[in-house]
Amino acid sequence: MQIELRQIGSDRLLESIEVESLAEVPQPGRWLVIDQRSFLVLQRSHRYQLCNGSYELATVALQVKAQVQPRDALWWQNQWVIGNPDCHFNARSPLLRCAVFPDGPCTSCGHYRPRPDGP
């Protein structure tokens, strides 16, 4: 199956790769590493082709942003988050750590406050 990596915003083709199955294609919010380059997948779309009277999946286009996975990124509740997800200010996102100290790291932030709703 053909996978296209496209630059988010410009839709410029960065790379085209081949994978064995659809299960190997990353979902949005995951990092993808190809030849020492790291990308964050932001969107995923499927492109179909008419073949013998029926549509078949031809290509998966991934809208990506070149980004190295932060050291404090962790897998939390089936998604990647940057920093401490138990903090009230944490965005619980793979894109942004928090509103108070977005550049991090969380260990040196003096604004930690536990979430009232818990983890």
C-alpha atoms as a PDB file:
ATOM      1  CA  MET A   1       0.000   0.000   0.000  1.00  0.00           C
ATOM      2  CA  GLN A   2       1.235   3.452  -0.948  1.00  0.00           C
ATOM      3  CA  ILE A   3       1.651   6.071   1.819  1.00  0.00           C
ATOM      4  CA  GLU A   4       2.219   9.739   1.020  1.00  0.00           C
ATOM      5  CA  LEU A   5       3.751  12.059   3.616  1.00  0.00           C
ATOM      6  CA  ARG A   6       2.572  15.598   2.907  1.00  0.00           C
ATOM      7  CA  GLN A   7       3.582  18.847   4.617  1.00  0.00           C
ATOM      8  CA  ILE A   8       0.672  20.222   6.651  1.00  0.00           C
ATOM      9  CA  GLY A   9      -0.502  23.561   5.285  1.00  0.00           C
ATOM     10  CA  SER A  10       1.156  23.387   1.874  1.00  0.00           C
ATOM     11  CA  ASP A  11       0.217  19.791   0.959  1.00  0.00           C
ATOM     12  CA  ARG A  12       3.720  19.427  -0.553  1.00  0.00           C
ATOM     13  CA  LEU A  13       4.762  15.792  -1.043  1.00  0.00           C
ATOM     14  CA  LEU A  14       7.689  15.039   1.289  1.00  0.00           C
ATOM     15  CA  GLU A  15       8.036  11.298   0.886  1.00  0.00           C
ATOM     16  CA  SER A  16       6.264   8.319  -0.586  1.00  0.00           C
ATOM     17  CA  ILE A  17       6.669   4.944   1.102  1.00  0.00           C
ATOM     18  CA  GLU A  18       5.258   1.469   0.719  1.00  0.00           C
ATOM     19  CA  VAL A  19       3.831  -0.547   3.635  1.00  0.00           C
ATOM     20  CA  GLU A  20       2.470  -4.079   3.830  1.00  0.00           C
ATOM     21  CA  SER A  21      -0.928  -3.338   5.386  1.00  0.00           C
ATOM     22  CA  LEU A  22      -3.252  -0.560   6.490  1.00  0.00           C
ATOM     23  CA  ALA A  23      -2.542  -1.508  10.122  1.00  0.00           C
ATOM     24  CA  GLU A  24       1.018  -0.166   9.719  1.00  0.00           C
ATOM     25  CA  VAL A  25      -0.181   3.352   8.851  1.00  0.00           C
ATOM     26  CA  PRO A  26      -0.001   5.638  11.917  1.00  0.00           C
ATOM     27  CA  GLN A  27      -3.047   7.478  13.201  1.00  0.00           C
ATOM     28  CA  PRO A  28      -3.066  11.244  13.884  1.00  0.00           C
ATOM     29  CA  GLY A  29      -1.250  12.166  17.091  1.00  0.00           C
ATOM     30  CA  ARG A  30       1.517   9.586  16.597  1.00  0.00           C
ATOM     31  CA  TRP A  31       5.126  10.089  15.623  1.00  0.00           C
ATOM     32  CA  LEU A  32       6.617   8.435  12.558  1.00  0.00           C
ATOM     33  CA  VAL A  33      10.371   7.998  12.052  1.00  0.00           C
ATOM     34  CA  ILE A  34      11.734   7.438   8.542  1.00  0.00           C
ATOM     35  CA  ASP A  35      15.460   7.434   7.737  1.00  0.00           C
ATOM     36  CA  GLN A  36      16.469   9.406  10.869  1.00  0.00           C
ATOM     37  CA  ARG A  37      13.710  11.988  10.245  1.00  0.00           C
ATOM     38  CA  SER A  38      10.810  12.321  12.671  1.00  0.00           C
ATOM     39  CA  PHE A  39       7.286  13.483  11.819  1.00  0.00           C
ATOM     40  CA  LEU A  40       4.152  14.080  13.859  1.00  0.00           C
ATOM     41  CA  VAL A  41       1.045  12.828  12.021  1.00  0.00           C
ATOM     42  CA  LEU A  42      -1.679  15.486  12.188  1.00  0.00           C
ATOM     43  CA  GLN A  43      -4.260  14.205   9.672  1.00  0.00           C
ATOM     44  CA  ARG A  44      -4.900  11.041   7.720  1.00  0.00           C
ATOM     45  CA  SER A  45      -7.005  10.697   4.577  1.00  0.00           C
ATOM     46  CA  HIS A  46      -7.732   7.794   2.256  1.00  0.00           C
ATOM     47  CA  ARG A  47      -7.756   8.041  -1.520  1.00  0.00           C
ATOM     48  CA  TYR A  48      -9.741   5.546  -3.533  1.00  0.00           C
ATOM     49  CA  GLN A  49      -9.521   4.459  -7.156  1.00  0.00           C
ATOM     50  CA  LEU A  50     -12.251   3.004  -9.354  1.00  0.00           C
ATOM     51  CA  CYS A  51     -11.141  -0.441 -10.483  1.00  0.00           C
ATOM     52  CA  ASN A  52     -13.394  -2.943 -12.299  1.00  0.00           C
ATOM     53  CA  GLY A  53     -16.578  -1.178 -11.227  1.00  0.00           C
ATOM     54  CA  SER A  54     -15.720  -0.873  -7.525  1.00  0.00           C
ATOM     55  CA  TYR A  55     -13.634   1.471  -5.439  1.00  0.00           C
ATOM     56  CA  GLU A  56     -10.390   0.231  -3.895  1.00  0.00           C
ATOM     57  CA  LEU A  57      -8.102   1.966  -1.431  1.00  0.00           C
ATOM     58  CA  ALA A  58      -5.188   3.262  -3.493  1.00  0.00           C
ATOM     59  CA  THR A  59      -3.257   5.633  -1.225  1.00  0.00           C
ATOM     60  CA  VAL A  60      -3.222   6.924   2.328  1.00  0.00           C
ATOM     61  CA  ALA A  61      -2.150  10.561   2.618  1.00  0.00           C
ATOM     62  CA  LEU A  62      -0.683  11.669   5.946  1.00  0.00           C
ATOM     63  CA  GLN A  63      -0.519  15.384   6.706  1.00  0.00           C
ATOM     64  CA  VAL A  64       2.624  15.661   8.829  1.00  0.00           C
ATOM     65  CA  LYS A  65       4.811  18.182  10.615  1.00  0.00           C
ATOM     66  CA  ALA A  66       8.554  17.607  10.885  1.00  0.00           C
ATOM     67  CA  GLN A  67       9.076  17.297  14.628  1.00  0.00           C
ATOM     68  CA  VAL A  68      11.291  15.312  16.943  1.00  0.00           C
ATOM     69  CA  GLN A  69       9.359  13.453  19.622  1.00  0.00           C
ATOM     70  CA  PRO A  70       9.998  15.307  22.908  1.00  0.00           C
ATOM     71  CA  ARG A  71      11.849  13.381  25.616  1.00  0.00           C
ATOM     72  CA  ASP A  72       8.970  13.845  28.054  1.00  0.00           C
ATOM     73  CA  ALA A  73       6.306  12.543  25.640  1.00  0.00           C
ATOM     74  CA  LEU A  74       4.493   9.568  27.095  1.00  0.00           C
ATOM     75  CA  TRP A  75       1.736   7.182  26.097  1.00  0.00           C
ATOM     76  CA  TRP A  76      -1.262   8.017  28.273  1.00  0.00           C
ATOM     77  CA  GLN A  77      -4.864   6.796  27.890  1.00  0.00           C
ATOM     78  CA  ASN A  78      -4.363   5.616  24.283  1.00  0.00           C
ATOM     79  CA  GLN A  79      -2.700   8.816  23.099  1.00  0.00           C
ATOM     80  CA  TRP A  80       0.628  10.639  23.227  1.00  0.00           C
ATOM     81  CA  VAL A  81       0.924  13.608  25.592  1.00  0.00           C
ATOM     82  CA  ILE A  82       3.844  15.901  26.301  1.00  0.00           C
ATOM     83  CA  GLY A  83       4.704  16.492  29.953  1.00  0.00           C
ATOM     84  CA  ASN A  84       2.760  15.555  33.075  1.00  0.00           C
ATOM     85  CA  PRO A  85      -0.919  14.824  32.238  1.00  0.00           C
ATOM     86  CA  ASP A  86      -1.835  14.983  35.947  1.00  0.00           C
ATOM     87  CA  CYS A  87      -1.089  18.731  36.051  1.00  0.00           C
ATOM     88  CA  HIS A  88      -4.026  21.139  35.841  1.00  0.00           C
ATOM     89  CA  PHE A  89      -2.276  23.179  33.120  1.00  0.00           C
ATOM     90  CA  ASN A  90      -1.198  20.274  30.904  1.00  0.00           C
ATOM     91  CA  ALA A  91      -2.865  20.311  27.472  1.00  0.00           C
ATOM     92  CA  ARG A  92      -2.871  16.480  27.254  1.00  0.00           C
ATOM     93  CA  SER A  93      -1.782  16.816  23.651  1.00  0.00           C
ATOM     94  CA  PRO A  94       1.100  15.650  21.446  1.00  0.00           C
ATOM     95  CA  LEU A  95       1.344  19.214  20.081  1.00  0.00           C
ATOM     96  CA  LEU A  96       1.477  21.400  23.182  1.00  0.00           C
ATOM     97  CA  ARG A  97       2.775  20.755  26.707  1.00  0.00           C
ATOM     98  CA  CYS A  98       0.837  23.428  28.652  1.00  0.00           C
ATOM     99  CA  ALA A  99      -0.272  27.057  28.666  1.00  0.00           C
ATOM    100  CA  VAL A 100       1.986  28.174  31.526  1.00  0.00           C
ATOM    101  CA  PHE A 101       5.342  26.642  30.564  1.00  0.00           C
ATOM    102  CA  PRO A 102       4.975  25.378  26.953  1.00  0.00           C
ATOM    103  CA  ASP A 103       8.705  24.899  26.352  1.00  0.00           C
ATOM    104  CA  GLY A 104       9.055  22.729  29.471  1.00  0.00           C
ATOM    105  CA  PRO A 105      10.279  20.593  30.948  1.00  0.00           C
ATOM    106  CA  CYS A 106       7.602  19.959  33.569  1.00  0.00           C
ATOM    107  CA  THR A 107      10.204  18.992  36.191  1.00  0.00           C
ATOM    108  CA  SER A 108      11.475  22.577  36.405  1.00  0.00           C
ATOM    109  CA  CYS A 109       8.035  24.249  36.400  1.00  0.00           C
ATOM    110  CA  GLY A 110       6.875  25.808  39.673  1.00  0.00           C
ATOM    111  CA  HIS A 111       3.227  26.054  38.594  1.00  0.00           C
ATOM    112  CA  TYR A 112       2.285  22.382  39.050  1.00  0.00           C
ATOM    113  CA  ARG A 113      -1.231  21.937  40.376  1.00  0.00           C
ATOM    114  CA  PRO A 114      -3.064  18.586  40.376  1.00  0.00           C
ATOM    115  CA  ARG A 115      -6.200  18.339  38.269  1.00  0.00           C
ATOM    116  CA  PRO A 116      -9.399  18.487  40.284  1.00  0.00           C
ATOM    117  CA  ASP A 117     -10.914  15.685  38.163  1.00  0.00           C
ATOM    118  CA  GLY A 118      -7.859  13.421  38.595  1.00  0.00           C
ATOM    119  CA  PRO A 119      -6.076  11.579  35.770  1.00  0.00           C
END
